[in-house]
N, C-alpha and C. Protein backbone atom coordinates (compact mmCIF):
# COMPACT_ATOMS: atom_id res chain seq x y z
N UNK A 1 15.12 -25.35 -15.12
CA UNK A 1 16.09 -25.51 -14.06
C UNK A 1 15.44 -25.08 -12.74
N UNK A 2 15.70 -25.84 -11.73
CA UNK A 2 15.17 -25.48 -10.41
C UNK A 2 15.91 -24.26 -9.86
N UNK A 3 15.30 -23.52 -8.95
CA UNK A 3 15.92 -22.29 -8.43
C UNK A 3 17.31 -22.53 -7.82
N UNK A 4 17.47 -23.63 -7.10
CA UNK A 4 18.78 -23.90 -6.48
C UNK A 4 19.83 -24.16 -7.56
N UNK A 5 19.44 -24.89 -8.59
CA UNK A 5 20.36 -25.15 -9.70
C UNK A 5 20.73 -23.87 -10.44
N UNK A 6 19.76 -22.99 -10.60
CA UNK A 6 20.00 -21.71 -11.26
C UNK A 6 20.99 -20.87 -10.46
N UNK A 7 20.75 -20.76 -9.17
CA UNK A 7 21.66 -19.98 -8.32
C UNK A 7 23.06 -20.60 -8.32
N UNK A 8 23.12 -21.91 -8.26
CA UNK A 8 24.40 -22.61 -8.28
C UNK A 8 25.16 -22.32 -9.57
N UNK A 9 24.47 -22.37 -10.70
CA UNK A 9 25.11 -22.09 -11.99
C UNK A 9 25.60 -20.65 -12.07
N UNK A 10 24.79 -19.73 -11.59
CA UNK A 10 25.18 -18.32 -11.64
C UNK A 10 26.36 -18.07 -10.71
N UNK A 11 26.35 -18.69 -9.55
CA UNK A 11 27.47 -18.55 -8.62
C UNK A 11 28.75 -19.09 -9.25
N UNK A 12 28.66 -20.27 -9.83
CA UNK A 12 29.83 -20.87 -10.49
C UNK A 12 30.33 -19.99 -11.62
N UNK A 13 29.41 -19.44 -12.41
CA UNK A 13 29.77 -18.57 -13.52
C UNK A 13 30.51 -17.33 -13.02
N UNK A 14 29.98 -16.70 -11.98
CA UNK A 14 30.60 -15.49 -11.44
C UNK A 14 32.01 -15.79 -10.91
N UNK A 15 32.17 -16.94 -10.28
CA UNK A 15 33.49 -17.33 -9.76
C UNK A 15 34.47 -17.51 -10.91
N UNK A 16 34.02 -18.17 -11.99
CA UNK A 16 34.89 -18.37 -13.14
C UNK A 16 35.24 -17.05 -13.82
N UNK A 17 34.27 -16.16 -13.93
CA UNK A 17 34.53 -14.85 -14.54
C UNK A 17 35.58 -14.09 -13.73
N UNK A 18 35.41 -14.07 -12.41
CA UNK A 18 36.36 -13.36 -11.56
C UNK A 18 37.75 -14.00 -11.62
N UNK A 19 37.81 -15.31 -11.55
CA UNK A 19 39.11 -16.01 -11.64
C UNK A 19 39.76 -15.74 -12.99
N UNK A 20 38.96 -15.71 -14.02
CA UNK A 20 39.50 -15.41 -15.35
C UNK A 20 40.07 -14.01 -15.44
N UNK A 21 39.34 -13.04 -14.89
CA UNK A 21 39.85 -11.66 -14.90
C UNK A 21 41.16 -11.55 -14.13
N UNK A 22 41.23 -12.24 -13.01
CA UNK A 22 42.48 -12.22 -12.24
C UNK A 22 43.60 -12.92 -12.98
N UNK A 23 43.25 -13.95 -13.74
CA UNK A 23 44.25 -14.65 -14.55
C UNK A 23 44.83 -13.77 -15.64
N UNK A 24 44.01 -12.89 -16.22
CA UNK A 24 44.50 -11.97 -17.24
C UNK A 24 45.66 -11.14 -16.72
N UNK A 25 45.56 -10.76 -15.46
CA UNK A 25 46.53 -9.84 -14.86
C UNK A 25 47.76 -10.54 -14.28
N UNK A 26 47.79 -11.87 -14.38
CA UNK A 26 48.91 -12.63 -13.81
C UNK A 26 49.80 -13.15 -14.93
N UNK A 27 51.07 -12.84 -14.83
CA UNK A 27 52.02 -13.28 -15.85
C UNK A 27 52.01 -14.80 -15.95
N UNK A 28 51.87 -15.28 -17.17
CA UNK A 28 51.87 -16.71 -17.42
C UNK A 28 50.52 -17.37 -17.23
N UNK A 29 49.52 -16.62 -16.81
CA UNK A 29 48.19 -17.19 -16.55
C UNK A 29 47.12 -16.62 -17.49
N UNK A 30 47.54 -15.82 -18.48
CA UNK A 30 46.58 -15.15 -19.34
C UNK A 30 45.71 -16.14 -20.11
N UNK A 31 46.31 -17.18 -20.66
CA UNK A 31 45.53 -18.15 -21.44
C UNK A 31 44.55 -18.90 -20.55
N UNK A 32 45.01 -19.34 -19.39
CA UNK A 32 44.14 -20.02 -18.43
C UNK A 32 43.02 -19.08 -17.98
N UNK A 33 43.40 -17.82 -17.76
CA UNK A 33 42.41 -16.82 -17.36
C UNK A 33 41.35 -16.62 -18.43
N UNK A 34 41.79 -16.58 -19.68
CA UNK A 34 40.84 -16.37 -20.79
C UNK A 34 39.85 -17.53 -20.86
N UNK A 35 40.36 -18.76 -20.68
CA UNK A 35 39.50 -19.95 -20.73
C UNK A 35 38.46 -19.90 -19.61
N UNK A 36 38.90 -19.56 -18.39
CA UNK A 36 37.96 -19.46 -17.27
C UNK A 36 36.93 -18.35 -17.51
N UNK A 37 37.41 -17.21 -17.96
CA UNK A 37 36.55 -16.06 -18.22
C UNK A 37 35.48 -16.41 -19.25
N UNK A 38 35.90 -16.97 -20.38
CA UNK A 38 34.95 -17.31 -21.44
C UNK A 38 33.98 -18.39 -20.99
N UNK A 39 34.47 -19.36 -20.23
CA UNK A 39 33.59 -20.41 -19.71
C UNK A 39 32.56 -19.84 -18.74
N UNK A 40 33.02 -18.93 -17.88
CA UNK A 40 32.11 -18.30 -16.93
C UNK A 40 31.05 -17.46 -17.62
N UNK A 41 31.46 -16.70 -18.63
CA UNK A 41 30.50 -15.88 -19.38
C UNK A 41 29.48 -16.79 -20.08
N UNK A 42 29.95 -17.87 -20.69
CA UNK A 42 29.04 -18.79 -21.39
C UNK A 42 28.04 -19.41 -20.41
N UNK A 43 28.52 -19.83 -19.24
CA UNK A 43 27.63 -20.42 -18.24
C UNK A 43 26.62 -19.39 -17.73
N UNK A 44 27.08 -18.18 -17.47
CA UNK A 44 26.18 -17.12 -17.01
C UNK A 44 25.14 -16.80 -18.07
N UNK A 45 25.57 -16.67 -19.31
CA UNK A 45 24.64 -16.36 -20.40
C UNK A 45 23.58 -17.45 -20.53
N UNK A 46 24.00 -18.68 -20.46
CA UNK A 46 23.06 -19.81 -20.52
C UNK A 46 22.08 -19.78 -19.35
N UNK A 47 22.59 -19.49 -18.17
CA UNK A 47 21.74 -19.44 -16.97
C UNK A 47 20.74 -18.30 -17.04
N UNK A 48 21.18 -17.13 -17.50
CA UNK A 48 20.27 -16.00 -17.61
C UNK A 48 19.21 -16.24 -18.69
N UNK A 49 19.60 -16.91 -19.76
CA UNK A 49 18.61 -17.25 -20.80
C UNK A 49 17.60 -18.24 -20.27
N UNK A 50 18.07 -19.19 -19.49
CA UNK A 50 17.15 -20.15 -18.89
C UNK A 50 16.18 -19.46 -17.92
N UNK A 51 16.70 -18.51 -17.15
CA UNK A 51 15.83 -17.75 -16.25
C UNK A 51 14.79 -16.98 -17.05
N UNK A 52 15.19 -16.41 -18.18
CA UNK A 52 14.26 -15.65 -19.02
C UNK A 52 13.15 -16.56 -19.53
N UNK A 53 13.48 -17.79 -19.84
CA UNK A 53 12.47 -18.70 -20.40
C UNK A 53 11.36 -19.02 -19.39
N UNK A 54 11.60 -18.79 -18.10
CA UNK A 54 10.56 -19.05 -17.10
C UNK A 54 9.49 -17.97 -17.12
N UNK A 55 9.85 -16.77 -17.54
CA UNK A 55 8.94 -15.61 -17.53
C UNK A 55 8.39 -15.33 -16.13
N UNK A 56 9.08 -15.79 -15.12
CA UNK A 56 8.66 -15.59 -13.73
C UNK A 56 9.47 -14.44 -13.13
N UNK A 57 8.81 -13.38 -12.69
CA UNK A 57 9.57 -12.23 -12.17
C UNK A 57 10.46 -12.59 -10.97
N UNK A 58 10.01 -13.50 -10.13
CA UNK A 58 10.81 -13.89 -8.98
C UNK A 58 12.10 -14.59 -9.44
N UNK A 59 11.99 -15.50 -10.37
CA UNK A 59 13.16 -16.22 -10.88
C UNK A 59 14.12 -15.26 -11.58
N UNK A 60 13.57 -14.35 -12.35
CA UNK A 60 14.41 -13.40 -13.10
C UNK A 60 15.21 -12.50 -12.17
N UNK A 61 14.57 -11.97 -11.14
CA UNK A 61 15.35 -11.09 -10.25
C UNK A 61 16.22 -11.90 -9.29
N UNK A 62 15.82 -13.12 -9.00
CA UNK A 62 16.66 -13.98 -8.16
C UNK A 62 17.99 -14.27 -8.88
N UNK A 63 17.92 -14.48 -10.19
CA UNK A 63 19.14 -14.72 -10.97
C UNK A 63 20.05 -13.49 -10.92
N UNK A 64 19.47 -12.33 -11.11
CA UNK A 64 20.27 -11.09 -11.07
C UNK A 64 20.84 -10.86 -9.68
N UNK A 65 20.03 -11.10 -8.67
CA UNK A 65 20.45 -10.94 -7.27
C UNK A 65 21.63 -11.86 -6.96
N UNK A 66 21.55 -13.10 -7.41
CA UNK A 66 22.64 -14.05 -7.17
C UNK A 66 23.94 -13.57 -7.81
N UNK A 67 23.83 -13.05 -9.03
CA UNK A 67 25.02 -12.56 -9.72
C UNK A 67 25.61 -11.34 -9.01
N UNK A 68 24.73 -10.44 -8.59
CA UNK A 68 25.18 -9.22 -7.89
C UNK A 68 25.88 -9.56 -6.58
N UNK A 69 25.31 -10.48 -5.81
CA UNK A 69 25.93 -10.83 -4.53
C UNK A 69 27.30 -11.46 -4.73
N UNK A 70 27.47 -12.20 -5.82
CA UNK A 70 28.79 -12.76 -6.12
C UNK A 70 29.76 -11.65 -6.52
N UNK A 71 29.30 -10.74 -7.35
CA UNK A 71 30.16 -9.61 -7.74
C UNK A 71 30.62 -8.84 -6.51
N UNK A 72 29.71 -8.65 -5.58
CA UNK A 72 30.04 -7.93 -4.35
C UNK A 72 31.15 -8.66 -3.58
N UNK A 73 31.09 -9.97 -3.56
CA UNK A 73 32.09 -10.77 -2.83
C UNK A 73 33.50 -10.56 -3.40
N UNK A 74 33.59 -10.27 -4.70
CA UNK A 74 34.89 -10.15 -5.35
C UNK A 74 35.46 -8.74 -5.33
N UNK A 75 34.71 -7.79 -4.81
CA UNK A 75 35.20 -6.41 -4.72
C UNK A 75 36.19 -6.26 -3.57
N UNK A 76 37.13 -5.39 -3.78
CA UNK A 76 38.07 -5.07 -2.70
C UNK A 76 37.58 -3.80 -2.00
N UNK A 77 38.10 -3.57 -0.82
CA UNK A 77 37.69 -2.40 -0.03
C UNK A 77 38.01 -1.09 -0.74
N UNK A 78 38.96 -1.09 -1.65
CA UNK A 78 39.34 0.14 -2.35
C UNK A 78 38.37 0.48 -3.49
N UNK A 79 37.51 -0.41 -3.85
CA UNK A 79 36.56 -0.18 -4.94
C UNK A 79 35.26 0.41 -4.39
N UNK A 80 35.38 1.56 -3.79
CA UNK A 80 34.26 2.17 -3.07
C UNK A 80 33.03 2.43 -3.95
N UNK A 81 33.24 2.96 -5.15
CA UNK A 81 32.10 3.25 -6.03
C UNK A 81 31.37 1.97 -6.43
N UNK A 82 32.15 0.95 -6.75
CA UNK A 82 31.54 -0.32 -7.13
C UNK A 82 30.81 -0.94 -5.94
N UNK A 83 31.43 -0.90 -4.78
CA UNK A 83 30.78 -1.43 -3.57
C UNK A 83 29.47 -0.70 -3.29
N UNK A 84 29.49 0.62 -3.38
CA UNK A 84 28.27 1.40 -3.14
C UNK A 84 27.19 1.06 -4.15
N UNK A 85 27.58 0.95 -5.41
CA UNK A 85 26.62 0.64 -6.46
C UNK A 85 26.01 -0.74 -6.27
N UNK A 86 26.85 -1.73 -5.98
CA UNK A 86 26.35 -3.09 -5.78
C UNK A 86 25.47 -3.19 -4.54
N UNK A 87 25.89 -2.55 -3.46
CA UNK A 87 25.07 -2.58 -2.24
C UNK A 87 23.71 -1.93 -2.47
N UNK A 88 23.70 -0.83 -3.20
CA UNK A 88 22.43 -0.16 -3.48
C UNK A 88 21.55 -1.05 -4.37
N UNK A 89 22.13 -1.70 -5.37
CA UNK A 89 21.36 -2.59 -6.24
C UNK A 89 20.78 -3.76 -5.44
N UNK A 90 21.58 -4.33 -4.57
CA UNK A 90 21.12 -5.45 -3.74
C UNK A 90 19.98 -5.00 -2.83
N UNK A 91 20.13 -3.81 -2.24
CA UNK A 91 19.07 -3.27 -1.38
C UNK A 91 17.77 -3.07 -2.17
N UNK A 92 17.89 -2.56 -3.40
CA UNK A 92 16.71 -2.38 -4.24
C UNK A 92 16.04 -3.72 -4.53
N UNK A 93 16.84 -4.75 -4.80
CA UNK A 93 16.25 -6.06 -5.07
C UNK A 93 15.67 -6.69 -3.82
N UNK A 94 16.25 -6.42 -2.66
CA UNK A 94 15.62 -6.87 -1.40
C UNK A 94 14.20 -6.30 -1.31
N UNK A 95 14.07 -5.01 -1.64
CA UNK A 95 12.75 -4.37 -1.63
C UNK A 95 11.83 -4.96 -2.71
N UNK A 96 12.40 -5.31 -3.86
CA UNK A 96 11.61 -5.90 -4.94
C UNK A 96 11.03 -7.25 -4.52
N UNK A 97 11.82 -8.03 -3.77
CA UNK A 97 11.30 -9.31 -3.27
C UNK A 97 10.10 -9.08 -2.34
N UNK A 98 10.17 -8.00 -1.56
CA UNK A 98 9.03 -7.66 -0.68
C UNK A 98 7.80 -7.29 -1.51
N UNK A 99 8.02 -6.55 -2.59
CA UNK A 99 6.90 -6.18 -3.47
C UNK A 99 6.26 -7.43 -4.07
N UNK A 100 7.08 -8.42 -4.41
CA UNK A 100 6.53 -9.67 -4.94
C UNK A 100 5.64 -10.38 -3.92
N UNK A 101 6.00 -10.27 -2.64
CA UNK A 101 5.15 -10.86 -1.60
C UNK A 101 3.85 -10.08 -1.47
N UNK A 102 3.94 -8.77 -1.48
CA UNK A 102 2.77 -7.93 -1.29
C UNK A 102 1.78 -8.11 -2.44
N UNK A 103 2.27 -8.25 -3.65
CA UNK A 103 1.35 -8.36 -4.79
C UNK A 103 0.55 -9.66 -4.76
N UNK A 104 1.03 -10.64 -4.01
CA UNK A 104 0.28 -11.89 -3.86
C UNK A 104 -0.93 -11.72 -2.94
N UNK A 105 -0.90 -10.68 -2.11
CA UNK A 105 -2.03 -10.39 -1.23
C UNK A 105 -2.80 -9.22 -1.86
N UNK A 106 -3.85 -9.56 -2.55
CA UNK A 106 -4.59 -8.56 -3.33
C UNK A 106 -5.07 -7.37 -2.50
N UNK A 107 -5.49 -7.60 -1.26
CA UNK A 107 -5.97 -6.48 -0.45
C UNK A 107 -4.84 -5.53 -0.09
N UNK A 108 -3.66 -6.09 0.19
CA UNK A 108 -2.51 -5.23 0.48
C UNK A 108 -2.10 -4.43 -0.75
N UNK A 109 -2.11 -5.06 -1.90
CA UNK A 109 -1.67 -4.35 -3.09
C UNK A 109 -2.64 -3.25 -3.48
N UNK A 110 -3.90 -3.44 -3.20
CA UNK A 110 -4.87 -2.38 -3.46
C UNK A 110 -4.53 -1.16 -2.61
N UNK A 111 -4.12 -1.40 -1.39
CA UNK A 111 -3.70 -0.29 -0.51
C UNK A 111 -2.46 0.38 -1.09
N UNK A 112 -1.51 -0.43 -1.55
CA UNK A 112 -0.29 0.12 -2.15
C UNK A 112 -0.64 1.01 -3.33
N UNK A 113 -1.60 0.57 -4.16
CA UNK A 113 -2.00 1.36 -5.31
C UNK A 113 -2.58 2.71 -4.88
N UNK A 114 -3.31 2.71 -3.78
CA UNK A 114 -3.94 3.96 -3.36
C UNK A 114 -2.96 4.95 -2.75
N UNK A 115 -1.83 4.49 -2.27
CA UNK A 115 -0.87 5.42 -1.65
C UNK A 115 0.25 5.85 -2.59
N UNK A 116 0.35 5.24 -3.74
CA UNK A 116 1.36 5.65 -4.72
C UNK A 116 0.69 6.65 -5.66
N UNK A 117 1.28 7.84 -5.83
CA UNK A 117 0.64 8.87 -6.66
C UNK A 117 0.25 8.33 -8.04
N UNK A 118 -0.83 8.87 -8.57
CA UNK A 118 -1.33 8.44 -9.87
C UNK A 118 -0.75 9.27 -11.02
N UNK A 119 0.16 10.15 -10.72
CA UNK A 119 0.89 10.91 -11.73
C UNK A 119 1.73 9.94 -12.57
N UNK A 120 1.87 10.22 -13.86
CA UNK A 120 2.59 9.31 -14.75
C UNK A 120 4.04 9.05 -14.33
N UNK A 121 4.63 9.96 -13.58
CA UNK A 121 6.01 9.76 -13.12
C UNK A 121 6.11 8.63 -12.10
N UNK A 122 4.99 8.28 -11.50
CA UNK A 122 4.97 7.24 -10.47
C UNK A 122 4.24 5.99 -10.94
N UNK A 123 4.07 5.88 -12.26
CA UNK A 123 3.34 4.76 -12.83
C UNK A 123 4.15 4.13 -13.97
N UNK A 124 3.95 2.84 -14.15
CA UNK A 124 4.53 2.11 -15.27
C UNK A 124 3.35 1.48 -15.99
N UNK A 125 3.10 1.96 -17.19
CA UNK A 125 1.94 1.48 -17.97
C UNK A 125 0.64 1.57 -17.16
N UNK A 126 0.54 2.61 -16.35
CA UNK A 126 -0.66 2.84 -15.56
C UNK A 126 -0.67 2.16 -14.20
N UNK A 127 0.30 1.32 -13.92
CA UNK A 127 0.34 0.59 -12.65
C UNK A 127 1.38 1.21 -11.73
N UNK A 128 1.22 1.02 -10.42
CA UNK A 128 2.13 1.65 -9.46
C UNK A 128 3.61 1.32 -9.74
N UNK A 129 4.40 2.36 -9.73
CA UNK A 129 5.86 2.20 -9.87
C UNK A 129 6.38 1.94 -8.46
N UNK A 130 6.26 0.69 -8.04
CA UNK A 130 6.65 0.30 -6.70
C UNK A 130 8.12 -0.13 -6.67
N UNK A 131 8.53 -0.71 -5.57
CA UNK A 131 9.94 -1.06 -5.40
C UNK A 131 10.43 -2.08 -6.43
N UNK A 132 9.55 -2.90 -6.96
CA UNK A 132 9.95 -3.86 -8.00
C UNK A 132 10.41 -3.09 -9.24
N UNK A 133 9.59 -2.15 -9.68
CA UNK A 133 9.94 -1.36 -10.87
C UNK A 133 11.15 -0.48 -10.63
N UNK A 134 11.26 0.06 -9.44
CA UNK A 134 12.41 0.91 -9.11
C UNK A 134 13.70 0.09 -9.16
N UNK A 135 13.66 -1.12 -8.61
CA UNK A 135 14.85 -1.99 -8.63
C UNK A 135 15.25 -2.31 -10.07
N UNK A 136 14.29 -2.74 -10.86
CA UNK A 136 14.59 -3.10 -12.25
C UNK A 136 15.06 -1.89 -13.05
N UNK A 137 14.36 -0.77 -12.89
CA UNK A 137 14.71 0.43 -13.65
C UNK A 137 16.09 0.96 -13.31
N UNK A 138 16.39 1.06 -12.03
CA UNK A 138 17.70 1.60 -11.65
C UNK A 138 18.82 0.63 -12.04
N UNK A 139 18.54 -0.67 -11.96
CA UNK A 139 19.58 -1.62 -12.33
C UNK A 139 19.79 -1.66 -13.85
N UNK A 140 18.71 -1.46 -14.61
CA UNK A 140 18.87 -1.36 -16.07
C UNK A 140 19.76 -0.17 -16.41
N UNK A 141 19.57 0.93 -15.71
CA UNK A 141 20.42 2.11 -15.93
C UNK A 141 21.87 1.79 -15.61
N UNK A 142 22.10 1.08 -14.51
CA UNK A 142 23.45 0.69 -14.11
C UNK A 142 24.10 -0.15 -15.21
N UNK A 143 23.37 -1.13 -15.72
CA UNK A 143 23.93 -2.01 -16.76
C UNK A 143 24.18 -1.23 -18.05
N UNK A 144 23.26 -0.34 -18.41
CA UNK A 144 23.46 0.49 -19.61
C UNK A 144 24.71 1.35 -19.47
N UNK A 145 24.95 1.87 -18.27
CA UNK A 145 26.16 2.66 -18.05
C UNK A 145 27.42 1.81 -18.21
N UNK A 146 27.37 0.57 -17.75
CA UNK A 146 28.52 -0.33 -17.92
C UNK A 146 28.73 -0.60 -19.41
N UNK A 147 27.64 -0.78 -20.14
CA UNK A 147 27.74 -1.06 -21.58
C UNK A 147 28.37 0.09 -22.36
N UNK A 148 28.25 1.32 -21.85
CA UNK A 148 28.84 2.46 -22.56
C UNK A 148 30.33 2.63 -22.26
N UNK A 149 30.84 1.85 -21.33
CA UNK A 149 32.27 1.93 -21.00
C UNK A 149 33.09 1.39 -22.15
N UNK A 150 34.19 2.07 -22.46
CA UNK A 150 35.04 1.56 -23.54
C UNK A 150 35.75 0.27 -23.13
N UNK A 151 36.01 -0.57 -24.10
CA UNK A 151 36.80 -1.76 -23.85
C UNK A 151 36.05 -2.96 -23.31
N UNK A 152 34.73 -2.93 -23.32
CA UNK A 152 33.95 -4.08 -22.85
C UNK A 152 34.17 -5.22 -23.84
N UNK A 153 34.53 -6.37 -23.32
CA UNK A 153 34.73 -7.56 -24.13
C UNK A 153 33.40 -7.91 -24.81
N UNK A 154 33.40 -8.24 -26.10
CA UNK A 154 32.14 -8.55 -26.79
C UNK A 154 31.31 -9.66 -26.13
N UNK A 155 31.96 -10.67 -25.57
CA UNK A 155 31.18 -11.73 -24.93
C UNK A 155 30.56 -11.24 -23.62
N UNK A 156 31.27 -10.35 -22.93
CA UNK A 156 30.69 -9.79 -21.71
C UNK A 156 29.54 -8.84 -22.07
N UNK A 157 29.68 -8.15 -23.20
CA UNK A 157 28.61 -7.27 -23.66
C UNK A 157 27.34 -8.09 -23.92
N UNK A 158 27.49 -9.27 -24.51
CA UNK A 158 26.34 -10.15 -24.73
C UNK A 158 25.65 -10.50 -23.41
N UNK A 159 26.46 -10.80 -22.40
CA UNK A 159 25.91 -11.13 -21.08
C UNK A 159 25.16 -9.94 -20.49
N UNK A 160 25.75 -8.77 -20.56
CA UNK A 160 25.11 -7.56 -20.04
C UNK A 160 23.79 -7.29 -20.77
N UNK A 161 23.78 -7.48 -22.08
CA UNK A 161 22.56 -7.25 -22.85
C UNK A 161 21.49 -8.28 -22.48
N UNK A 162 21.89 -9.53 -22.21
CA UNK A 162 20.93 -10.54 -21.77
C UNK A 162 20.34 -10.17 -20.41
N UNK A 163 21.18 -9.65 -19.54
CA UNK A 163 20.69 -9.23 -18.23
C UNK A 163 19.67 -8.09 -18.37
N UNK A 164 19.91 -7.18 -19.32
CA UNK A 164 18.93 -6.11 -19.59
C UNK A 164 17.61 -6.70 -20.08
N UNK A 165 17.69 -7.66 -20.99
CA UNK A 165 16.49 -8.32 -21.50
C UNK A 165 15.73 -8.97 -20.35
N UNK A 166 16.46 -9.62 -19.45
CA UNK A 166 15.81 -10.29 -18.31
C UNK A 166 15.10 -9.29 -17.41
N UNK A 167 15.72 -8.16 -17.16
CA UNK A 167 15.09 -7.16 -16.29
C UNK A 167 13.81 -6.61 -16.93
N UNK A 168 13.85 -6.41 -18.24
CA UNK A 168 12.64 -5.96 -18.94
C UNK A 168 11.57 -7.04 -18.90
N UNK A 169 11.97 -8.29 -19.08
CA UNK A 169 11.02 -9.41 -19.01
C UNK A 169 10.42 -9.52 -17.61
N UNK A 170 11.25 -9.31 -16.59
CA UNK A 170 10.76 -9.35 -15.21
C UNK A 170 9.70 -8.28 -15.00
N UNK A 171 9.98 -7.08 -15.48
CA UNK A 171 9.00 -6.01 -15.34
C UNK A 171 7.72 -6.31 -16.10
N UNK A 172 7.84 -6.87 -17.29
CA UNK A 172 6.66 -7.22 -18.06
C UNK A 172 5.80 -8.25 -17.34
N UNK A 173 6.44 -9.27 -16.78
CA UNK A 173 5.71 -10.30 -16.03
C UNK A 173 5.09 -9.72 -14.76
N UNK A 174 5.82 -8.82 -14.14
CA UNK A 174 5.30 -8.19 -12.92
C UNK A 174 4.09 -7.31 -13.24
N UNK A 175 4.14 -6.62 -14.36
CA UNK A 175 2.99 -5.80 -14.78
C UNK A 175 1.76 -6.69 -14.98
N UNK A 176 1.98 -7.88 -15.51
CA UNK A 176 0.85 -8.82 -15.67
C UNK A 176 0.26 -9.17 -14.31
N UNK A 177 1.11 -9.36 -13.31
CA UNK A 177 0.61 -9.62 -11.95
C UNK A 177 -0.17 -8.41 -11.43
N UNK A 178 0.38 -7.21 -11.67
CA UNK A 178 -0.31 -6.00 -11.25
C UNK A 178 -1.69 -5.90 -11.92
N UNK A 179 -1.72 -6.20 -13.20
CA UNK A 179 -2.97 -6.13 -13.96
C UNK A 179 -4.02 -7.07 -13.36
N UNK A 180 -3.61 -8.29 -13.03
CA UNK A 180 -4.54 -9.26 -12.45
C UNK A 180 -5.09 -8.75 -11.11
N UNK A 181 -4.20 -8.23 -10.27
CA UNK A 181 -4.63 -7.73 -8.97
C UNK A 181 -5.60 -6.56 -9.15
N UNK A 182 -5.27 -5.63 -10.02
CA UNK A 182 -6.11 -4.44 -10.19
C UNK A 182 -7.46 -4.79 -10.80
N UNK A 183 -7.47 -5.69 -11.77
CA UNK A 183 -8.74 -6.06 -12.39
C UNK A 183 -9.62 -6.84 -11.42
N UNK A 184 -9.01 -7.70 -10.61
CA UNK A 184 -9.79 -8.48 -9.66
C UNK A 184 -10.35 -7.63 -8.52
N UNK A 185 -9.72 -6.48 -8.28
CA UNK A 185 -10.20 -5.60 -7.21
C UNK A 185 -10.92 -4.38 -7.78
N UNK A 186 -11.13 -4.39 -9.09
CA UNK A 186 -11.82 -3.28 -9.75
C UNK A 186 -11.20 -1.92 -9.42
N UNK A 187 -9.87 -1.88 -9.44
CA UNK A 187 -9.19 -0.64 -9.13
C UNK A 187 -9.01 0.16 -10.40
């Protein structure tokens, strides 16, 4: 799937999920809400699986970013904790996109490696724990926390678990990019 198609599918899925949730809470609309909700979850799950099949870190985080920005759109002003969490996740992914640009410039990334401490707390498999890893790691924690909440619908749980798999795949692919840069620069 092309990136625009992927974003479009994820946007549509998020809209259906939100409309379905709102339908649950409306008298006489529960069945319609359930249909929208399940359809949205199925579309999102399919889209995230397709993103995973690319093994491209940019595509993987772009899919997550698209979903997060849609979730943010559906929050109300009274949902302060959710708004703060989503805004922070989006900011982290903005930084991750910058890291993806920097890693393409081998000389810049060599500099990044030299300024990030070599202590294991600042490394992922020996490579710099830069903003890409921070975004994925903190967002994986966020999703794991959601998964521990009671009452998560089993189909939504499947979607959350797929998103976790995607974030891990994104980090794995990114580490491969790091490895290529470091080996080519004899770092």
